[in-house]
């Protein structure tokens, strides 16, 4: 038995299970969105975090990592049991084709790759938050926190993970910028105002020879 799993969220930088191979690549006709609630890791029921899920969209690609688990049914079973617990907010499992290079006539590198997704319906999936204006999402991500850390750390880790694999996500970058604006405005709001006093004029002499540093 061989299990292949596509990772597009925190599993990209923190898989947490025993695997035998990792390949960087993408799946087609899906895009990464922050439309899923997390109420037990990086958020709470009263203040849920926003985490990644996939939205079907024709013509798009979603970059991430494919993990291979091989070595017997017990190893595969252990990986799946771990993933079921960790990905409990996702109510669907889908099999997709996985690609390693971009191109119109490209054949998939692996077929039948498992990916955890969520039903985009608030009536049937209690964890589905749906889309929102980017400023509203940024305020939610900037303030949500749970037992495993805060929501902004999750987003910034996602941003870094995509940079590290060489396939930055414009949507993630835009959202991260908005979260930083929220955090900065919060800091400025708490910072006491400094009096507008003139700075004294200081005449600087030449540095002593021992203080010169070669910056090459």
C-alpha atoms as a PDB file:
ATOM      1  CA  UNK A   1       0.000   0.000   0.000  1.00  0.00           C
ATOM      2  CA  UNK A   2       1.170   3.523  -0.845  1.00  0.00           C
ATOM      3  CA  UNK A   3      -0.549   6.659   0.443  1.00  0.00           C
ATOM      4  CA  UNK A   4      -0.048  10.042  -1.216  1.00  0.00           C
ATOM      5  CA  UNK A   5      -1.320  13.196   0.498  1.00  0.00           C
ATOM      6  CA  UNK A   6      -1.424  16.764  -0.847  1.00  0.00           C
ATOM      7  CA  UNK A   7      -0.586  19.450   1.713  1.00  0.00           C
ATOM      8  CA  UNK A   8      -1.548  23.093   1.138  1.00  0.00           C
ATOM      9  CA  UNK A   9      -1.820  24.475   4.695  1.00  0.00           C
ATOM     10  CA  UNK A  10       0.170  23.851   7.866  1.00  0.00           C
ATOM     11  CA  UNK A  11       1.061  20.344   6.675  1.00  0.00           C
ATOM     12  CA  UNK A  12       3.436  22.005   4.182  1.00  0.00           C
ATOM     13  CA  UNK A  13       5.814  23.162   6.943  1.00  0.00           C
ATOM     14  CA  UNK A  14       4.721  20.887   9.788  1.00  0.00           C
ATOM     15  CA  UNK A  15       3.477  17.472   8.570  1.00  0.00           C
ATOM     16  CA  UNK A  16       3.635  15.798  11.988  1.00  0.00           C
ATOM     17  CA  UNK A  17       3.485  12.233  10.682  1.00  0.00           C
ATOM     18  CA  UNK A  18       6.004   9.680   9.421  1.00  0.00           C
ATOM     19  CA  UNK A  19       6.473   9.897   5.649  1.00  0.00           C
ATOM     20  CA  UNK A  20       8.949   8.516   3.113  1.00  0.00           C
ATOM     21  CA  UNK A  21       9.022  11.147   0.379  1.00  0.00           C
ATOM     22  CA  UNK A  22       8.087  14.797  -0.123  1.00  0.00           C
ATOM     23  CA  UNK A  23       7.598  16.419  -3.543  1.00  0.00           C
ATOM     24  CA  UNK A  24       6.916  20.077  -4.274  1.00  0.00           C
ATOM     25  CA  UNK A  25       4.217  20.640  -6.889  1.00  0.00           C
ATOM     26  CA  UNK A  26       0.630  21.678  -7.473  1.00  0.00           C
ATOM     27  CA  UNK A  27      -2.915  20.581  -8.177  1.00  0.00           C
ATOM     28  CA  UNK A  28      -5.158  22.115 -10.822  1.00  0.00           C
ATOM     29  CA  UNK A  29      -8.514  23.906 -10.635  1.00  0.00           C
ATOM     30  CA  UNK A  30      -8.243  24.724  -6.929  1.00  0.00           C
ATOM     31  CA  UNK A  31      -7.102  27.816  -5.070  1.00  0.00           C
ATOM     32  CA  UNK A  32      -6.135  28.360  -1.441  1.00  0.00           C
ATOM     33  CA  UNK A  33      -8.536  30.446   0.671  1.00  0.00           C
ATOM     34  CA  UNK A  34      -8.834  31.284   4.382  1.00  0.00           C
ATOM     35  CA  UNK A  35     -12.526  30.421   4.681  1.00  0.00           C
ATOM     36  CA  UNK A  36     -12.446  27.658   7.311  1.00  0.00           C
ATOM     37  CA  UNK A  37     -12.857  28.127  11.057  1.00  0.00           C
ATOM     38  CA  UNK A  38     -10.482  26.648  13.608  1.00  0.00           C
ATOM     39  CA  UNK A  39     -11.896  26.626  17.140  1.00  0.00           C
ATOM     40  CA  UNK A  40      -9.529  24.288  18.989  1.00  0.00           C
ATOM     41  CA  UNK A  41      -5.976  24.959  17.734  1.00  0.00           C
ATOM     42  CA  UNK A  42      -5.469  28.630  16.839  1.00  0.00           C
ATOM     43  CA  UNK A  43      -8.872  29.946  17.801  1.00  0.00           C
ATOM     44  CA  UNK A  44     -11.818  29.406  20.133  1.00  0.00           C
ATOM     45  CA  UNK A  45     -15.566  28.933  19.581  1.00  0.00           C
ATOM     46  CA  UNK A  46     -16.132  32.578  20.527  1.00  0.00           C
ATOM     47  CA  UNK A  47     -13.251  33.893  18.414  1.00  0.00           C
ATOM     48  CA  UNK A  48     -12.487  31.351  15.675  1.00  0.00           C
ATOM     49  CA  UNK A  49      -9.307  31.475  13.653  1.00  0.00           C
ATOM     50  CA  UNK A  50      -9.299  31.495   9.873  1.00  0.00           C
ATOM     51  CA  UNK A  51      -7.338  28.662   8.303  1.00  0.00           C
ATOM     52  CA  UNK A  52      -6.782  27.302   4.807  1.00  0.00           C
ATOM     53  CA  UNK A  53      -9.162  25.305   2.718  1.00  0.00           C
ATOM     54  CA  UNK A  54      -9.473  24.822  -1.035  1.00  0.00           C
ATOM     55  CA  UNK A  55     -11.974  26.503  -3.322  1.00  0.00           C
ATOM     56  CA  UNK A  56     -12.693  24.926  -6.687  1.00  0.00           C
ATOM     57  CA  UNK A  57     -11.941  27.367  -9.485  1.00  0.00           C
ATOM     58  CA  UNK A  58     -11.382  26.395 -13.090  1.00  0.00           C
ATOM     59  CA  UNK A  59      -7.998  27.331 -14.537  1.00  0.00           C
ATOM     60  CA  UNK A  60      -6.227  27.987 -11.231  1.00  0.00           C
ATOM     61  CA  UNK A  61      -3.421  26.048  -9.553  1.00  0.00           C
ATOM     62  CA  UNK A  62      -2.530  25.560  -5.903  1.00  0.00           C
ATOM     63  CA  UNK A  63       1.102  24.887  -5.016  1.00  0.00           C
ATOM     64  CA  UNK A  64       2.059  22.789  -2.020  1.00  0.00           C
ATOM     65  CA  UNK A  65       3.688  19.470  -1.193  1.00  0.00           C
ATOM     66  CA  UNK A  66       2.823  15.823  -1.788  1.00  0.00           C
ATOM     67  CA  UNK A  67       3.818  13.350   0.937  1.00  0.00           C
ATOM     68  CA  UNK A  68       4.264   9.657   0.268  1.00  0.00           C
ATOM     69  CA  UNK A  69       3.717   7.064   2.991  1.00  0.00           C
ATOM     70  CA  UNK A  70       4.771   3.532   2.154  1.00  0.00           C
ATOM     71  CA  UNK A  71       5.908   0.493   4.074  1.00  0.00           C
ATOM     72  CA  UNK A  72       2.748  -1.359   4.917  1.00  0.00           C
ATOM     73  CA  UNK A  73      -0.851  -1.004   5.964  1.00  0.00           C
ATOM     74  CA  UNK A  74      -0.027  -0.231   9.610  1.00  0.00           C
ATOM     75  CA  UNK A  75       2.157   2.762   8.705  1.00  0.00           C
ATOM     76  CA  UNK A  76      -0.489   4.083   6.351  1.00  0.00           C
ATOM     77  CA  UNK A  77      -3.197   3.541   8.957  1.00  0.00           C
ATOM     78  CA  UNK A  78      -1.198   5.423  11.598  1.00  0.00           C
ATOM     79  CA  UNK A  79      -0.715   8.378   9.235  1.00  0.00           C
ATOM     80  CA  UNK A  80      -4.415   8.481   8.353  1.00  0.00           C
ATOM     81  CA  UNK A  81      -5.502   8.283  11.978  1.00  0.00           C
ATOM     82  CA  UNK A  82      -3.230  11.208  12.828  1.00  0.00           C
ATOM     83  CA  UNK A  83      -4.521  13.233   9.884  1.00  0.00           C
ATOM     84  CA  UNK A  84      -8.162  12.512  10.732  1.00  0.00           C
ATOM     85  CA  UNK A  85      -7.627  13.972  14.213  1.00  0.00           C
ATOM     86  CA  UNK A  86      -5.640  16.966  13.022  1.00  0.00           C
ATOM     87  CA  UNK A  87      -7.836  17.807  10.027  1.00  0.00           C
ATOM     88  CA  UNK A  88     -11.131  17.335  11.870  1.00  0.00           C
ATOM     89  CA  UNK A  89     -12.568  20.613  10.516  1.00  0.00           C
ATOM     90  CA  UNK A  90     -12.452  19.218   6.959  1.00  0.00           C
ATOM     91  CA  UNK A  91     -15.518  17.189   6.041  1.00  0.00           C
ATOM     92  CA  UNK A  92     -14.413  15.879   2.626  1.00  0.00           C
ATOM     93  CA  UNK A  93     -11.603  13.746   1.229  1.00  0.00           C
ATOM     94  CA  UNK A  94     -10.905  14.159  -2.459  1.00  0.00           C
ATOM     95  CA  UNK A  95      -8.540  12.359  -4.835  1.00  0.00           C
ATOM     96  CA  UNK A  96      -6.639  14.656  -7.203  1.00  0.00           C
ATOM     97  CA  UNK A  97      -3.846  14.602  -9.769  1.00  0.00           C
ATOM     98  CA  UNK A  98      -0.542  16.089  -8.645  1.00  0.00           C
ATOM     99  CA  UNK A  99       1.883  17.886 -10.968  1.00  0.00           C
ATOM    100  CA  UNK A 100       5.541  18.820 -10.551  1.00  0.00           C
ATOM    101  CA  UNK A 101       5.979  21.274 -13.434  1.00  0.00           C
ATOM    102  CA  UNK A 102       3.752  23.796 -15.153  1.00  0.00           C
ATOM    103  CA  UNK A 103       2.731  23.243 -18.765  1.00  0.00           C
ATOM    104  CA  UNK A 104      -0.388  22.829 -20.886  1.00  0.00           C
ATOM    105  CA  UNK A 105       0.278  19.228 -21.978  1.00  0.00           C
ATOM    106  CA  UNK A 106       1.875  18.087 -18.759  1.00  0.00           C
ATOM    107  CA  UNK A 107       1.076  14.621 -17.425  1.00  0.00           C
ATOM    108  CA  UNK A 108       0.501  14.281 -13.656  1.00  0.00           C
ATOM    109  CA  UNK A 109       3.432  13.073 -11.592  1.00  0.00           C
ATOM    110  CA  UNK A 110       1.091  11.184  -9.242  1.00  0.00           C
ATOM    111  CA  UNK A 111      -2.604  10.322  -9.570  1.00  0.00           C
ATOM    112  CA  UNK A 112      -5.029   9.524  -6.784  1.00  0.00           C
ATOM    113  CA  UNK A 113      -3.473  11.909  -4.258  1.00  0.00           C
ATOM    114  CA  UNK A 114      -5.593  12.398  -1.143  1.00  0.00           C
ATOM    115  CA  UNK A 115      -6.470  15.945  -0.099  1.00  0.00           C
ATOM    116  CA  UNK A 116      -8.629  17.129   2.803  1.00  0.00           C
ATOM    117  CA  UNK A 117     -11.180  19.739   1.726  1.00  0.00           C
ATOM    118  CA  UNK A 118     -14.338  21.289   3.121  1.00  0.00           C
ATOM    119  CA  UNK A 119     -17.867  21.727   1.824  1.00  0.00           C
ATOM    120  CA  UNK A 120     -18.421  25.449   1.097  1.00  0.00           C
ATOM    121  CA  UNK A 121     -21.823  25.463   2.762  1.00  0.00           C
ATOM    122  CA  UNK A 122     -22.528  26.876   6.211  1.00  0.00           C
ATOM    123  CA  UNK A 123     -25.661  24.755   6.564  1.00  0.00           C
ATOM    124  CA  UNK A 124     -23.850  21.422   6.186  1.00  0.00           C
ATOM    125  CA  UNK A 125     -20.367  22.343   7.430  1.00  0.00           C
ATOM    126  CA  UNK A 126     -20.319  24.148  10.758  1.00  0.00           C
ATOM    127  CA  UNK A 127     -16.649  25.054  10.316  1.00  0.00           C
ATOM    128  CA  UNK A 128     -17.167  26.889   7.032  1.00  0.00           C
ATOM    129  CA  UNK A 129     -16.953  30.662   7.513  1.00  0.00           C
ATOM    130  CA  UNK A 130     -17.034  31.666   3.874  1.00  0.00           C
ATOM    131  CA  UNK A 131     -15.307  34.617   2.229  1.00  0.00           C
ATOM    132  CA  UNK A 132     -15.197  38.126   3.690  1.00  0.00           C
ATOM    133  CA  UNK A 133     -13.583  41.473   2.837  1.00  0.00           C
ATOM    134  CA  UNK A 134      -9.821  41.246   3.260  1.00  0.00           C
ATOM    135  CA  UNK A 135      -9.790  43.940   5.978  1.00  0.00           C
ATOM    136  CA  UNK A 136     -12.384  42.015   8.009  1.00  0.00           C
ATOM    137  CA  UNK A 137     -10.448  38.764   7.620  1.00  0.00           C
ATOM    138  CA  UNK A 138      -7.243  40.523   8.648  1.00  0.00           C
ATOM    139  CA  UNK A 139      -8.804  41.840  11.879  1.00  0.00           C
ATOM    140  CA  UNK A 140     -10.056  38.354  12.720  1.00  0.00           C
ATOM    141  CA  UNK A 141      -6.681  36.717  12.030  1.00  0.00           C
ATOM    142  CA  UNK A 142      -4.801  39.407  13.962  1.00  0.00           C
ATOM    143  CA  UNK A 143      -6.823  38.790  17.141  1.00  0.00           C
ATOM    144  CA  UNK A 144      -7.670  35.068  17.161  1.00  0.00           C
ATOM    145  CA  UNK A 145      -5.645  32.768  19.404  1.00  0.00           C
ATOM    146  CA  UNK A 146      -5.957  29.226  20.743  1.00  0.00           C
ATOM    147  CA  UNK A 147      -4.118  26.431  22.607  1.00  0.00           C
ATOM    148  CA  UNK A 148      -1.634  25.863  19.736  1.00  0.00           C
ATOM    149  CA  UNK A 149      -0.806  29.515  19.124  1.00  0.00           C
ATOM    150  CA  UNK A 150      -2.284  32.541  17.449  1.00  0.00           C
ATOM    151  CA  UNK A 151      -3.881  32.839  14.036  1.00  0.00           C
ATOM    152  CA  UNK A 152      -1.417  35.385  12.653  1.00  0.00           C
ATOM    153  CA  UNK A 153       1.492  33.021  13.286  1.00  0.00           C
ATOM    154  CA  UNK A 154      -0.305  30.438  11.138  1.00  0.00           C
ATOM    155  CA  UNK A 155      -0.734  32.935   8.309  1.00  0.00           C
ATOM    156  CA  UNK A 156       2.855  34.194   8.475  1.00  0.00           C
ATOM    157  CA  UNK A 157       4.138  30.598   8.526  1.00  0.00           C
ATOM    158  CA  UNK A 158       2.052  29.912   5.422  1.00  0.00           C
ATOM    159  CA  UNK A 159       3.549  32.955   3.724  1.00  0.00           C
ATOM    160  CA  UNK A 160       7.090  31.832   4.578  1.00  0.00           C
ATOM    161  CA  UNK A 161       6.450  28.226   3.539  1.00  0.00           C
ATOM    162  CA  UNK A 162       5.348  29.291   0.069  1.00  0.00           C
ATOM    163  CA  UNK A 163       8.373  31.568  -0.227  1.00  0.00           C
ATOM    164  CA  UNK A 164      10.655  28.710   0.823  1.00  0.00           C
ATOM    165  CA  UNK A 165       9.337  26.403  -1.914  1.00  0.00           C
ATOM    166  CA  UNK A 166       9.649  29.161  -4.502  1.00  0.00           C
ATOM    167  CA  UNK A 167       5.937  29.605  -5.253  1.00  0.00           C
ATOM    168  CA  UNK A 168       4.566  32.568  -3.346  1.00  0.00           C
ATOM    169  CA  UNK A 169       0.787  32.918  -3.151  1.00  0.00           C
ATOM    170  CA  UNK A 170      -0.458  36.441  -3.973  1.00  0.00           C
ATOM    171  CA  UNK A 171      -3.608  35.917  -1.914  1.00  0.00           C
ATOM    172  CA  UNK A 172      -1.581  34.898   1.158  1.00  0.00           C
ATOM    173  CA  UNK A 173       0.794  37.836   0.685  1.00  0.00           C
ATOM    174  CA  UNK A 174      -2.073  40.338   0.439  1.00  0.00           C
ATOM    175  CA  UNK A 175      -3.756  38.942   3.552  1.00  0.00           C
ATOM    176  CA  UNK A 176      -0.491  38.942   5.513  1.00  0.00           C
ATOM    177  CA  UNK A 177       0.124  42.588   4.598  1.00  0.00           C
ATOM    178  CA  UNK A 178      -3.332  43.544   5.874  1.00  0.00           C
ATOM    179  CA  UNK A 179      -2.763  41.660   9.141  1.00  0.00           C
ATOM    180  CA  UNK A 180       0.523  43.517   9.662  1.00  0.00           C
ATOM    181  CA  UNK A 181      -1.328  46.806   9.154  1.00  0.00           C
ATOM    182  CA  UNK A 182      -3.843  45.818  11.833  1.00  0.00           C
ATOM    183  CA  UNK A 183      -1.075  44.833  14.246  1.00  0.00           C
ATOM    184  CA  UNK A 184       0.854  48.039  13.566  1.00  0.00           C
ATOM    185  CA  UNK A 185      -2.190  50.245  14.078  1.00  0.00           C
ATOM    186  CA  UNK A 186      -2.874  48.458  17.376  1.00  0.00           C
ATOM    187  CA  UNK A 187       0.659  49.117  18.592  1.00  0.00           C
ATOM    188  CA  UNK A 188       0.476  52.756  17.580  1.00  0.00           C
ATOM    189  CA  UNK A 189      -2.829  53.105  19.400  1.00  0.00           C
ATOM    190  CA  UNK A 190      -1.285  51.858  22.658  1.00  0.00           C
ATOM    191  CA  UNK A 191       1.966  53.834  22.338  1.00  0.00           C
ATOM    192  CA  UNK A 192       2.018  57.068  24.414  1.00  0.00           C
ATOM    193  CA  UNK A 193       2.421  60.217  22.340  1.00  0.00           C
ATOM    194  CA  UNK A 194       5.922  61.678  22.426  1.00  0.00           C
ATOM    195  CA  UNK A 195       6.260  65.443  22.925  1.00  0.00           C
ATOM    196  CA  UNK A 196       7.351  67.292  19.806  1.00  0.00           C
ATOM    197  CA  UNK A 197      10.597  68.642  21.224  1.00  0.00           C
ATOM    198  CA  UNK A 198      13.480  69.966  19.099  1.00  0.00           C
ATOM    199  CA  UNK A 199      16.453  67.625  19.022  1.00  0.00           C
ATOM    200  CA  UNK A 200      19.737  69.077  20.291  1.00  0.00           C
ATOM    201  CA  UNK A 201      22.376  69.681  17.655  1.00  0.00           C
ATOM    202  CA  UNK A 202      25.313  67.317  18.007  1.00  0.00           C
ATOM    203  CA  UNK A 203      28.589  67.828  16.203  1.00  0.00           C
ATOM    204  CA  UNK A 204      30.239  64.470  15.453  1.00  0.00           C
ATOM    205  CA  UNK A 205      33.961  64.205  15.199  1.00  0.00           C
ATOM    206  CA  UNK A 206      35.886  61.578  13.218  1.00  0.00           C
ATOM    207  CA  UNK A 207      35.734  58.015  14.493  1.00  0.00           C
ATOM    208  CA  UNK A 208      38.859  56.683  16.168  1.00  0.00           C
ATOM    209  CA  UNK A 209      40.799  54.289  13.961  1.00  0.00           C
ATOM    210  CA  UNK A 210      39.918  51.256  16.127  1.00  0.00           C
ATOM    211  CA  UNK A 211      36.220  51.850  15.494  1.00  0.00           C
ATOM    212  CA  UNK A 212      36.414  51.549  11.722  1.00  0.00           C
ATOM    213  CA  UNK A 213      34.920  48.281  10.457  1.00  0.00           C
ATOM    214  CA  UNK A 214      35.354  46.610   7.067  1.00  0.00           C
ATOM    215  CA  UNK A 215      31.778  45.894   5.971  1.00  0.00           C
ATOM    216  CA  UNK A 216      32.618  43.615   3.052  1.00  0.00           C
END
